[in-house]
Protein backbone atom coordinates (compact mmCIF):
# COMPACT_ATOMS: atom_id res chain seq x y z
CA UNK A 1 39.85 109.61 94.96
CA UNK A 2 39.58 111.84 97.96
CA UNK A 3 42.62 110.34 99.64
CA UNK A 4 44.68 111.01 96.50
CA UNK A 5 43.83 114.71 96.63
CA UNK A 6 44.47 114.74 100.36
CA UNK A 7 47.95 113.31 99.87
CA UNK A 8 48.70 115.70 97.05
CA UNK A 9 47.59 118.63 99.31
CA UNK A 10 49.84 117.32 102.09
CA UNK A 11 52.81 117.05 99.74
CA UNK A 12 52.26 120.60 98.46
CA UNK A 13 51.84 121.89 102.00
CA UNK A 14 55.05 120.07 103.02
CA UNK A 15 56.93 121.60 100.11
CA UNK A 16 55.63 125.02 100.91
CA UNK A 17 56.89 124.73 104.49
CA UNK A 18 60.35 123.80 103.18
CA UNK A 19 60.92 127.12 101.44
CA UNK A 20 62.45 128.06 98.14
CA UNK A 21 64.80 125.07 97.76
CA UNK A 22 61.99 122.51 97.73
CA UNK A 23 61.24 123.10 94.02
CA UNK A 24 64.84 122.53 92.90
CA UNK A 25 65.04 119.52 95.24
CA UNK A 26 61.97 118.02 93.61
CA UNK A 27 63.45 118.56 90.13
CA UNK A 28 66.77 116.97 91.21
CA UNK A 29 64.89 114.00 92.60
CA UNK A 30 62.79 113.49 89.48
CA UNK A 31 65.77 113.77 87.14
CA UNK A 32 67.89 111.50 89.30
CA UNK A 33 65.30 108.70 89.44
CA UNK A 34 64.59 108.93 85.73
CA UNK A 35 68.28 108.31 85.08
CA UNK A 36 68.35 105.54 87.61
CA UNK A 37 65.42 103.78 86.02
CA UNK A 38 66.92 104.11 82.54
CA UNK A 39 70.24 102.71 83.74
CA UNK A 40 68.61 99.88 85.58
CA UNK A 41 66.58 98.89 82.52
CA UNK A 42 69.73 99.07 80.32
CA UNK A 43 71.70 96.82 82.66
CA UNK A 44 68.78 94.42 82.89
CA UNK A 45 68.55 94.20 79.13
CA UNK A 46 72.30 93.53 78.86
CA UNK A 47 71.90 90.55 81.21
CA UNK A 48 68.93 88.99 79.41
CA UNK A 49 68.64 86.98 76.22
CA UNK A 50 72.37 86.47 75.97
CA UNK A 51 73.57 84.12 73.26
CA UNK A 52 76.28 81.48 73.87
CA UNK A 53 79.83 82.52 73.16
CA UNK A 54 80.30 79.80 70.58
CA UNK A 55 77.30 81.04 68.67
CA UNK A 56 78.65 84.59 68.81
CA UNK A 57 82.01 83.43 67.43
CA UNK A 58 80.20 81.57 64.62
CA UNK A 59 78.21 84.70 63.73
CA UNK A 60 81.41 86.77 63.65
CA UNK A 61 83.02 84.30 61.27
CA UNK A 62 79.96 84.07 59.07
CA UNK A 63 79.35 87.82 59.07
CA UNK A 64 75.85 87.17 60.41
CA UNK A 65 73.95 89.66 62.59
CA UNK A 66 72.13 88.33 65.71
CA UNK A 67 68.36 88.17 65.57
CA UNK A 68 67.18 91.05 67.78
CA UNK A 69 63.93 89.23 68.56
CA UNK A 70 65.91 86.39 70.19
CA UNK A 71 69.13 87.99 71.50
CA UNK A 72 69.36 91.45 73.08
CA UNK A 73 72.04 90.97 75.69
CA UNK A 74 75.63 92.28 75.89
CA UNK A 75 76.97 89.45 73.72
CA UNK A 76 74.59 90.24 70.89
CA UNK A 77 75.39 93.96 71.20
CA UNK A 78 79.19 93.30 70.93
CA UNK A 79 78.67 91.09 67.85
CA UNK A 80 76.33 93.60 66.17
CA UNK A 81 78.57 96.59 66.83
CA UNK A 82 81.64 94.72 65.67
CA UNK A 83 80.02 93.68 62.39
CA UNK A 84 78.92 97.26 61.81
CA UNK A 85 82.48 98.52 62.32
CA UNK A 86 84.19 95.66 60.56
CA UNK A 87 86.18 96.43 57.36
CA UNK A 88 87.23 94.20 54.53
CA UNK A 89 90.85 94.14 55.82
CA UNK A 90 91.21 91.11 58.15
CA UNK A 91 94.38 92.66 59.60
CA UNK A 92 92.45 95.37 61.45
CA UNK A 93 89.77 93.04 62.87
CA UNK A 94 91.48 92.76 66.25
CA UNK A 95 91.73 96.53 66.57
CA UNK A 96 88.08 96.81 65.55
CA UNK A 97 87.15 94.31 68.17
CA UNK A 98 89.08 96.25 70.81
CA UNK A 99 87.28 99.46 69.81
CA UNK A 100 83.96 97.70 69.95
CA UNK A 101 84.58 96.29 73.39
CA UNK A 102 85.70 99.67 74.67
CA UNK A 103 82.58 101.36 73.23
CA UNK A 104 80.21 98.80 74.79
CA UNK A 105 82.09 98.90 78.11
CA UNK A 106 81.87 102.69 78.21
CA UNK A 107 78.14 102.50 77.67
CA UNK A 108 77.92 100.55 80.94
CA UNK A 109 79.12 103.59 82.88
CA UNK A 110 76.92 106.06 81.04
CA UNK A 111 74.59 108.16 83.27
CA UNK A 112 76.32 106.98 86.50
CA UNK A 113 78.31 110.22 86.80
CA UNK A 114 75.09 112.28 86.31
CA UNK A 115 73.32 110.29 88.98
CA UNK A 116 76.21 110.85 91.37
CA UNK A 117 76.19 114.60 90.72
CA UNK A 118 72.44 114.87 91.28
CA UNK A 119 72.55 112.82 94.45
CA UNK A 120 75.44 114.99 95.76
CA UNK A 121 73.64 118.21 94.92
CA UNK A 122 70.55 117.30 96.97
CA UNK A 123 72.08 117.62 100.47
CA UNK A 124 73.79 120.87 99.43
CA UNK A 125 70.36 122.26 98.41
CA UNK A 126 69.09 121.04 101.76
CA UNK A 127 71.97 122.84 103.49
CA UNK A 128 71.04 126.00 101.58
CA UNK A 129 67.49 125.60 102.82
CA UNK A 130 68.85 125.30 106.33
CA UNK A 131 70.74 128.61 105.97
CA UNK A 132 67.65 130.35 104.52
CA UNK A 133 65.51 128.98 107.31
CA UNK A 134 67.89 130.22 110.00
CA UNK A 135 68.02 133.65 108.37
CA UNK A 136 64.22 133.77 108.52
CA UNK A 137 64.38 132.73 112.20
CA UNK A 138 66.88 135.48 113.04
CA UNK A 139 64.77 137.98 111.14
CA UNK A 140 61.78 136.96 113.22
CA UNK A 141 63.80 137.30 116.42
CA UNK A 142 65.02 140.74 115.45
CA UNK A 143 61.42 141.90 114.82
CA UNK A 144 59.52 140.15 117.59
CA UNK A 145 62.13 138.96 120.05
CA UNK A 146 62.39 135.48 121.43
CA UNK A 147 58.98 135.55 123.03
CA UNK A 148 57.05 135.02 119.78
CA UNK A 149 57.37 131.27 119.21
CA UNK A 150 55.03 131.29 116.25
CA UNK A 151 57.21 133.73 114.31
CA UNK A 152 60.31 131.66 114.97
CA UNK A 153 58.69 128.33 114.15
CA UNK A 154 58.37 129.11 110.46
CA UNK A 155 62.06 129.58 109.89
CA UNK A 156 63.05 126.57 112.05
CA UNK A 157 60.49 124.40 110.18
CA UNK A 158 61.88 125.57 106.84
CA UNK A 159 65.43 124.74 107.94
CA UNK A 160 64.61 121.26 109.19
CA UNK A 161 62.29 120.24 106.35
CA UNK A 162 64.74 121.28 103.63
CA UNK A 163 67.57 119.46 105.35
CA UNK A 164 65.46 116.38 105.78
CA UNK A 165 64.33 116.39 102.16
CA UNK A 166 67.89 116.80 100.87
CA UNK A 167 68.98 113.73 102.83
CA UNK A 168 65.91 111.72 101.73
CA UNK A 169 66.87 112.42 98.13
CA UNK A 170 70.57 111.87 98.49
CA UNK A 171 70.81 108.71 100.60
CA UNK A 172 68.62 106.36 98.43
CA UNK A 173 70.14 107.91 95.29
CA UNK A 174 73.73 107.19 96.27
CA UNK A 175 72.77 103.71 97.55
CA UNK A 176 71.13 102.75 94.31
CA UNK A 177 73.92 104.34 92.26
CA UNK A 178 76.56 102.22 94.07
CA UNK A 179 74.53 99.08 93.36
CA UNK A 180 74.21 100.02 89.66
CA UNK A 181 77.93 100.79 89.54
CA UNK A 182 78.73 97.30 90.85
CA UNK A 183 76.43 95.75 88.24
CA UNK A 184 78.01 97.85 85.51
CA UNK A 185 81.47 96.79 86.61
CA UNK A 186 80.51 93.15 86.44
CA UNK A 187 79.03 93.65 82.98
CA UNK A 188 82.26 95.40 81.83
CA UNK A 189 84.29 92.39 82.94
CA UNK A 190 82.00 90.08 80.99
CA UNK A 191 82.27 92.25 77.88
CA UNK A 192 86.08 92.36 78.12
CA UNK A 193 86.21 88.60 78.56
CA UNK A 194 83.96 88.16 75.51
CA UNK A 195 86.18 90.42 73.44
CA UNK A 196 89.23 88.32 74.25
CA UNK A 197 87.32 85.16 73.42
CA UNK A 198 86.09 86.51 70.06
CA UNK A 199 89.55 87.71 69.08
CA UNK A 200 90.74 84.10 69.17
CA UNK A 201 88.16 83.22 66.49
CA UNK A 202 88.80 86.05 64.09
């Protein structure tokens, strides 16, 4: 247990050296990774336990909802949402299917914009920390001159640590976001293709 407390103390000491922007950077990082994890779990669920297309078409014709214990993928979601929206008028079924496909496809992109914003804010906060650190450095120079290295080191350390932390938050966040965006795009293509297939069986 001692090593846990030692690591926590080191992290707190590191954040203290980074200045005022380290708190907001930590919050940005936490929120960003929560959204990333939620998005990754959603996309994973959409790829698993998918029912065959022929079975989906049969359920649409029979007005039968998929069993959530067996099927939880994108196909089951499209069928379920379509049956919820379906009206008694067969003439509007195709429009209802289009609306369902658009709604499911839009859910694939949900949270990606927020992840992008948070990942983009991180280096800007790091840059703000750099500016604040340099201001502290110049204040130390104006008070003590260039001969007092200890007074200057605090501001320089604050500038470098905040910049480093901003990049450490932003680079992995944007990398993972681009990967999730490509997965979401593939899922949207599958959903659109499924919608065209099901329309033929209405």
